[in-house]
Amino acid sequence: PREDYLDNANLSDSDKIDMLGHEVDAWRKKYEDAMLRLGENPYAGIPVTPIPPNPDPGNDDGLRKPKKSRAELENEETYGADEHIVKILHSANVEIDQELAEQLPTWDDVVSLYGDKPIIRGLETCEPYRQAVKPEDRMTGPAGMFNTGTNLLFELLKSNCDIKEAHTKRREPRRNGMRWQVPWGKHNP
């Protein structure tokens, strides 16, 4: 819409190019997904395996059996798997069979590797950040080594977080203060 372009008048050219690049990528993905659902190759000459149509909406792909509800899973045999691990798997609707149960760690194994609670580093920097940065200028984004889930983290931030004061600025597609990467780069050391 026209008002979106007016909101962008104060952005630098490189910010505008960056913003448009993300929008182009988003539309390209939508186009590719739509073409693949139709069974058509969006890029002639590049082999693509089309996604089969899903005749039964209760199944993931029409080939696998429907997933059980959490209540159904809780009534199933757990084959001696640790209670904490079972609870985590059932919350993700994962069915436990004998083979899987034999491969699962015990809760004590998990605690010995990762601890019994999350470790969040940097909480002491929150208040100084809030004092130093105006609410409308606040933003966040993922950074990390390659193949460590930075794209997933961005999607989770984009979908679940919102800096309400950032709505007045047009720095990212959803205007919620969540950036695709931190200003110094996603994978920089």
C-alpha atoms as a PDB file:
ATOM      1  CA  PRO A   1       0.000   0.000   0.000  1.00  0.00           C
ATOM      2  CA  ARG A   2       0.967   3.615  -0.568  1.00  0.00           C
ATOM      3  CA  GLU A   3       1.206   4.400   3.172  1.00  0.00           C
ATOM      4  CA  ASP A   4       3.888   1.701   3.602  1.00  0.00           C
ATOM      5  CA  TYR A   5       6.065   3.538   1.108  1.00  0.00           C
ATOM      6  CA  LEU A   6       5.477   6.836   2.884  1.00  0.00           C
ATOM      7  CA  ASP A   7       6.552   5.218   6.177  1.00  0.00           C
ATOM      8  CA  ASN A   8       9.814   4.213   4.502  1.00  0.00           C
ATOM      9  CA  ALA A   9      10.725   7.755   3.462  1.00  0.00           C
ATOM     10  CA  ASN A  10      13.071   8.177   6.440  1.00  0.00           C
ATOM     11  CA  LEU A  11      14.990   4.944   5.816  1.00  0.00           C
ATOM     12  CA  SER A  12      18.407   4.905   4.197  1.00  0.00           C
ATOM     13  CA  ASP A  13      18.687   3.368   0.733  1.00  0.00           C
ATOM     14  CA  SER A  14      20.511   0.326   2.113  1.00  0.00           C
ATOM     15  CA  ASP A  15      17.755  -0.229   4.707  1.00  0.00           C
ATOM     16  CA  LYS A  16      15.119   0.023   1.969  1.00  0.00           C
ATOM     17  CA  ILE A  17      17.015  -2.476  -0.183  1.00  0.00           C
ATOM     18  CA  ASP A  18      17.398  -4.833   2.789  1.00  0.00           C
ATOM     19  CA  MET A  19      13.688  -4.583   3.630  1.00  0.00           C
ATOM     20  CA  LEU A  20      12.655  -5.188   0.005  1.00  0.00           C
ATOM     21  CA  GLY A  21      15.039  -8.136  -0.220  1.00  0.00           C
ATOM     22  CA  HIS A  22      13.274  -9.824   2.697  1.00  0.00           C
ATOM     23  CA  GLU A  23       9.880  -9.139   1.136  1.00  0.00           C
ATOM     24  CA  VAL A  24      11.042 -10.571  -2.215  1.00  0.00           C
ATOM     25  CA  ASP A  25      12.309 -13.710  -0.451  1.00  0.00           C
ATOM     26  CA  ALA A  26       8.985 -14.111   1.359  1.00  0.00           C
ATOM     27  CA  TRP A  27       6.967 -13.782  -1.871  1.00  0.00           C
ATOM     28  CA  ARG A  28       9.354 -16.123  -3.734  1.00  0.00           C
ATOM     29  CA  LYS A  29       8.810 -18.784  -1.045  1.00  0.00           C
ATOM     30  CA  LYS A  30       5.021 -18.364  -1.264  1.00  0.00           C
ATOM     31  CA  TYR A  31       5.172 -18.725  -5.062  1.00  0.00           C
ATOM     32  CA  GLU A  32       7.384 -21.817  -4.899  1.00  0.00           C
ATOM     33  CA  ASP A  33       5.166 -23.455  -2.263  1.00  0.00           C
ATOM     34  CA  ALA A  34       2.020 -22.767  -4.293  1.00  0.00           C
ATOM     35  CA  MET A  35       3.535 -24.143  -7.499  1.00  0.00           C
ATOM     36  CA  LEU A  36       4.791 -27.259  -5.744  1.00  0.00           C
ATOM     37  CA  ARG A  37       1.359 -27.883  -4.205  1.00  0.00           C
ATOM     38  CA  LEU A  38      -0.042 -27.782  -7.729  1.00  0.00           C
ATOM     39  CA  GLY A  39       2.558 -30.345  -8.751  1.00  0.00           C
ATOM     40  CA  GLU A  40       4.284 -27.897 -11.079  1.00  0.00           C
ATOM     41  CA  ASN A  41       7.972 -27.103 -11.174  1.00  0.00           C
ATOM     42  CA  PRO A  42       8.368 -23.350 -10.584  1.00  0.00           C
ATOM     43  CA  TYR A  43      11.833 -23.462 -12.137  1.00  0.00           C
ATOM     44  CA  ALA A  44      11.916 -25.331 -15.446  1.00  0.00           C
ATOM     45  CA  GLY A  45      15.011 -27.458 -15.883  1.00  0.00           C
ATOM     46  CA  ILE A  46      15.599 -27.918 -12.153  1.00  0.00           C
ATOM     47  CA  PRO A  47      14.305 -31.278 -10.915  1.00  0.00           C
ATOM     48  CA  VAL A  48      11.753 -30.912  -8.102  1.00  0.00           C
ATOM     49  CA  THR A  49       9.773 -33.637  -6.391  1.00  0.00           C
ATOM     50  CA  PRO A  50       6.199 -32.361  -6.079  1.00  0.00           C
ATOM     51  CA  ILE A  51       4.422 -32.629  -2.749  1.00  0.00           C
ATOM     52  CA  PRO A  52       1.630 -35.234  -3.052  1.00  0.00           C
ATOM     53  CA  PRO A  53      -1.897 -33.958  -2.409  1.00  0.00           C
ATOM     54  CA  ASN A  54      -3.242 -34.690   1.059  1.00  0.00           C
ATOM     55  CA  PRO A  55      -6.517 -36.586   0.695  1.00  0.00           C
ATOM     56  CA  ASP A  56      -7.109 -36.826   4.449  1.00  0.00           C
ATOM     57  CA  PRO A  57      -6.586 -33.624   6.475  1.00  0.00           C
ATOM     58  CA  GLY A  58      -6.129 -35.756   9.613  1.00  0.00           C
ATOM     59  CA  ASN A  59      -2.867 -37.151   8.230  1.00  0.00           C
ATOM     60  CA  ASP A  60       0.370 -35.280   7.680  1.00  0.00           C
ATOM     61  CA  ASP A  61       0.883 -36.494   4.120  1.00  0.00           C
ATOM     62  CA  GLY A  62      -1.890 -38.973   3.433  1.00  0.00           C
ATOM     63  CA  LEU A  63       0.534 -41.874   3.912  1.00  0.00           C
ATOM     64  CA  ARG A  64       1.142 -41.964   7.662  1.00  0.00           C
ATOM     65  CA  LYS A  65      -1.413 -42.935  10.248  1.00  0.00           C
ATOM     66  CA  PRO A  66      -3.038 -40.018  12.114  1.00  0.00           C
ATOM     67  CA  LYS A  67      -1.207 -38.768  15.189  1.00  0.00           C
ATOM     68  CA  LYS A  68      -2.727 -39.629  18.533  1.00  0.00           C
ATOM     69  CA  SER A  69      -3.929 -36.974  20.936  1.00  0.00           C
ATOM     70  CA  ARG A  70      -2.026 -36.331  24.154  1.00  0.00           C
ATOM     71  CA  ALA A  71      -4.782 -38.054  26.138  1.00  0.00           C
ATOM     72  CA  GLU A  72      -4.485 -41.135  23.910  1.00  0.00           C
ATOM     73  CA  LEU A  73      -0.698 -41.120  24.252  1.00  0.00           C
ATOM     74  CA  GLU A  74      -0.895 -40.932  28.052  1.00  0.00           C
ATOM     75  CA  ASN A  75      -2.847 -44.204  28.051  1.00  0.00           C
ATOM     76  CA  GLU A  76      -0.267 -45.974  25.878  1.00  0.00           C
ATOM     77  CA  GLU A  77       2.559 -48.240  27.068  1.00  0.00           C
ATOM     78  CA  THR A  78       5.831 -46.346  27.693  1.00  0.00           C
ATOM     79  CA  TYR A  79       8.107 -49.407  27.791  1.00  0.00           C
ATOM     80  CA  GLY A  80       9.962 -48.286  30.901  1.00  0.00           C
ATOM     81  CA  ALA A  81      10.998 -44.878  29.554  1.00  0.00           C
ATOM     82  CA  ASP A  82      11.747 -42.218  32.192  1.00  0.00           C
ATOM     83  CA  GLU A  83       8.634 -40.331  33.344  1.00  0.00           C
ATOM     84  CA  HIS A  84      10.130 -36.876  32.661  1.00  0.00           C
ATOM     85  CA  ILE A  85      11.183 -37.864  29.141  1.00  0.00           C
ATOM     86  CA  VAL A  86       7.754 -39.393  28.448  1.00  0.00           C
ATOM     87  CA  LYS A  87       6.059 -36.159  29.535  1.00  0.00           C
ATOM     88  CA  ILE A  88       8.225 -34.107  27.147  1.00  0.00           C
ATOM     89  CA  LEU A  89       7.617 -36.481  24.220  1.00  0.00           C
ATOM     90  CA  HIS A  90       3.877 -36.682  24.850  1.00  0.00           C
ATOM     91  CA  SER A  91       3.635 -32.867  24.942  1.00  0.00           C
ATOM     92  CA  ALA A  92       5.087 -32.969  21.396  1.00  0.00           C
ATOM     93  CA  ASN A  93       2.617 -35.756  20.397  1.00  0.00           C
ATOM     94  CA  VAL A  94       5.423 -38.287  19.953  1.00  0.00           C
ATOM     95  CA  GLU A  95       4.338 -41.892  20.279  1.00  0.00           C
ATOM     96  CA  ILE A  96       6.780 -44.130  22.174  1.00  0.00           C
ATOM     97  CA  ASP A  97       7.414 -47.658  20.960  1.00  0.00           C
ATOM     98  CA  GLN A  98       9.805 -50.314  22.303  1.00  0.00           C
ATOM     99  CA  GLU A  99      12.615 -49.344  19.912  1.00  0.00           C
ATOM    100  CA  LEU A 100      12.438 -45.651  20.806  1.00  0.00           C
ATOM    101  CA  ALA A 101      12.165 -46.353  24.543  1.00  0.00           C
ATOM    102  CA  GLU A 102      15.395 -48.372  24.446  1.00  0.00           C
ATOM    103  CA  GLN A 103      17.252 -45.409  22.897  1.00  0.00           C
ATOM    104  CA  LEU A 104      15.976 -42.717  25.258  1.00  0.00           C
ATOM    105  CA  PRO A 105      18.234 -41.353  28.003  1.00  0.00           C
ATOM    106  CA  THR A 106      17.201 -41.250  31.638  1.00  0.00           C
ATOM    107  CA  TRP A 107      16.322 -37.932  33.225  1.00  0.00           C
ATOM    108  CA  ASP A 108      19.502 -38.176  35.317  1.00  0.00           C
ATOM    109  CA  ASP A 109      21.515 -38.418  32.063  1.00  0.00           C
ATOM    110  CA  VAL A 110      19.839 -35.268  30.741  1.00  0.00           C
ATOM    111  CA  VAL A 111      20.428 -33.367  34.001  1.00  0.00           C
ATOM    112  CA  SER A 112      24.074 -34.434  34.119  1.00  0.00           C
ATOM    113  CA  LEU A 113      24.610 -33.053  30.590  1.00  0.00           C
ATOM    114  CA  TYR A 114      22.477 -29.895  30.649  1.00  0.00           C
ATOM    115  CA  GLY A 115      21.549 -29.169  34.273  1.00  0.00           C
ATOM    116  CA  ASP A 116      18.127 -29.169  35.883  1.00  0.00           C
ATOM    117  CA  LYS A 117      17.076 -25.676  34.757  1.00  0.00           C
ATOM    118  CA  PRO A 118      17.722 -23.375  31.797  1.00  0.00           C
ATOM    119  CA  ILE A 119      20.779 -21.167  31.886  1.00  0.00           C
ATOM    120  CA  ILE A 120      20.070 -17.677  30.611  1.00  0.00           C
ATOM    121  CA  ARG A 121      23.148 -15.523  30.320  1.00  0.00           C
ATOM    122  CA  GLY A 122      23.040 -11.746  30.167  1.00  0.00           C
ATOM    123  CA  LEU A 123      19.955 -11.043  32.279  1.00  0.00           C
ATOM    124  CA  GLU A 124      21.986  -8.445  34.175  1.00  0.00           C
ATOM    125  CA  THR A 125      22.196  -6.397  30.952  1.00  0.00           C
ATOM    126  CA  CYS A 126      18.416  -5.973  30.547  1.00  0.00           C
ATOM    127  CA  GLU A 127      17.966  -2.982  32.838  1.00  0.00           C
ATOM    128  CA  PRO A 128      20.979  -1.029  31.496  1.00  0.00           C
ATOM    129  CA  TYR A 129      19.668  -1.682  27.959  1.00  0.00           C
ATOM    130  CA  ARG A 130      16.221  -0.372  28.887  1.00  0.00           C
ATOM    131  CA  GLN A 131      17.765   2.745  30.394  1.00  0.00           C
ATOM    132  CA  ALA A 132      20.059   3.398  27.427  1.00  0.00           C
ATOM    133  CA  VAL A 133      17.707   2.668  24.487  1.00  0.00           C
ATOM    134  CA  LYS A 134      14.380   4.411  23.901  1.00  0.00           C
ATOM    135  CA  PRO A 135      11.470   1.918  23.641  1.00  0.00           C
ATOM    136  CA  GLU A 136      10.725   2.807  20.004  1.00  0.00           C
ATOM    137  CA  ASP A 137      14.372   2.107  19.066  1.00  0.00           C
ATOM    138  CA  ARG A 138      14.540  -1.337  20.696  1.00  0.00           C
ATOM    139  CA  MET A 139      14.873  -4.416  18.546  1.00  0.00           C
ATOM    140  CA  THR A 140      16.293  -7.898  18.760  1.00  0.00           C
ATOM    141  CA  GLY A 141      17.481 -10.571  16.369  1.00  0.00           C
ATOM    142  CA  PRO A 142      19.291 -13.922  16.356  1.00  0.00           C
ATOM    143  CA  ALA A 143      23.025 -14.508  16.004  1.00  0.00           C
ATOM    144  CA  GLY A 144      25.069 -17.686  16.238  1.00  0.00           C
ATOM    145  CA  MET A 145      27.243 -20.199  14.467  1.00  0.00           C
ATOM    146  CA  PHE A 146      26.063 -21.755  11.187  1.00  0.00           C
ATOM    147  CA  ASN A 147      23.546 -24.608  11.571  1.00  0.00           C
ATOM    148  CA  THR A 148      22.635 -23.720  15.162  1.00  0.00           C
ATOM    149  CA  GLY A 149      19.011 -22.738  14.550  1.00  0.00           C
ATOM    150  CA  THR A 150      19.271 -18.999  13.945  1.00  0.00           C
ATOM    151  CA  ASN A 151      16.582 -19.089  11.226  1.00  0.00           C
ATOM    152  CA  LEU A 152      14.253 -21.049  13.498  1.00  0.00           C
ATOM    153  CA  LEU A 153      14.948 -18.598  16.314  1.00  0.00           C
ATOM    154  CA  PHE A 154      14.031 -15.694  14.023  1.00  0.00           C
ATOM    155  CA  GLU A 155      10.756 -17.388  13.055  1.00  0.00           C
ATOM    156  CA  LEU A 156       9.948 -17.973  16.744  1.00  0.00           C
ATOM    157  CA  LEU A 157      10.780 -14.368  17.651  1.00  0.00           C
ATOM    158  CA  LYS A 158       8.765 -13.044  14.709  1.00  0.00           C
ATOM    159  CA  SER A 159       5.721 -15.132  15.613  1.00  0.00           C
ATOM    160  CA  ASN A 160       5.780 -14.849  19.396  1.00  0.00           C
ATOM    161  CA  CYS A 161       7.439 -11.578  20.417  1.00  0.00           C
ATOM    162  CA  ASP A 162       6.341  -7.998  20.069  1.00  0.00           C
ATOM    163  CA  ILE A 163       7.956  -4.734  21.112  1.00  0.00           C
ATOM    164  CA  LYS A 164       4.836  -2.568  20.942  1.00  0.00           C
ATOM    165  CA  GLU A 165       6.771   0.697  20.842  1.00  0.00           C
ATOM    166  CA  ALA A 166       8.578  -0.514  17.691  1.00  0.00           C
ATOM    167  CA  HIS A 167       5.308  -0.372  15.740  1.00  0.00           C
ATOM    168  CA  THR A 168       6.012   3.279  14.910  1.00  0.00           C
ATOM    169  CA  LYS A 169       9.225   2.399  13.017  1.00  0.00           C
ATOM    170  CA  ARG A 170       9.411   0.475   9.750  1.00  0.00           C
ATOM    171  CA  ARG A 171      12.641  -1.486  10.150  1.00  0.00           C
ATOM    172  CA  GLU A 172      11.405  -5.011   9.590  1.00  0.00           C
ATOM    173  CA  PRO A 173       8.424  -6.573   7.771  1.00  0.00           C
ATOM    174  CA  ARG A 174       6.172  -7.109  10.815  1.00  0.00           C
ATOM    175  CA  ARG A 175       7.035  -3.851  12.593  1.00  0.00           C
ATOM    176  CA  ASN A 176       7.408  -5.701  15.885  1.00  0.00           C
ATOM    177  CA  GLY A 177      11.087  -5.089  16.658  1.00  0.00           C
ATOM    178  CA  MET A 178      12.219  -8.574  15.604  1.00  0.00           C
ATOM    179  CA  ARG A 179      15.051  -8.492  13.070  1.00  0.00           C
ATOM    180  CA  TRP A 180      16.284 -11.312  10.844  1.00  0.00           C
ATOM    181  CA  GLN A 181      19.748 -10.837  12.323  1.00  0.00           C
ATOM    182  CA  VAL A 182      21.565  -8.603  14.758  1.00  0.00           C
ATOM    183  CA  PRO A 183      23.029  -5.403  13.228  1.00  0.00           C
ATOM    184  CA  TRP A 184      26.608  -6.767  13.190  1.00  0.00           C
ATOM    185  CA  GLY A 185      25.596  -9.917  11.255  1.00  0.00           C
ATOM    186  CA  LYS A 186      24.041 -13.246  12.030  1.00  0.00           C
ATOM    187  CA  HIS A 187      27.142 -15.457  11.793  1.00  0.00           C
ATOM    188  CA  ASN A 188      30.000 -13.078  12.610  1.00  0.00           C
ATOM    189  CA  PRO A 189      32.323 -14.243  15.390  1.00  0.00           C
END
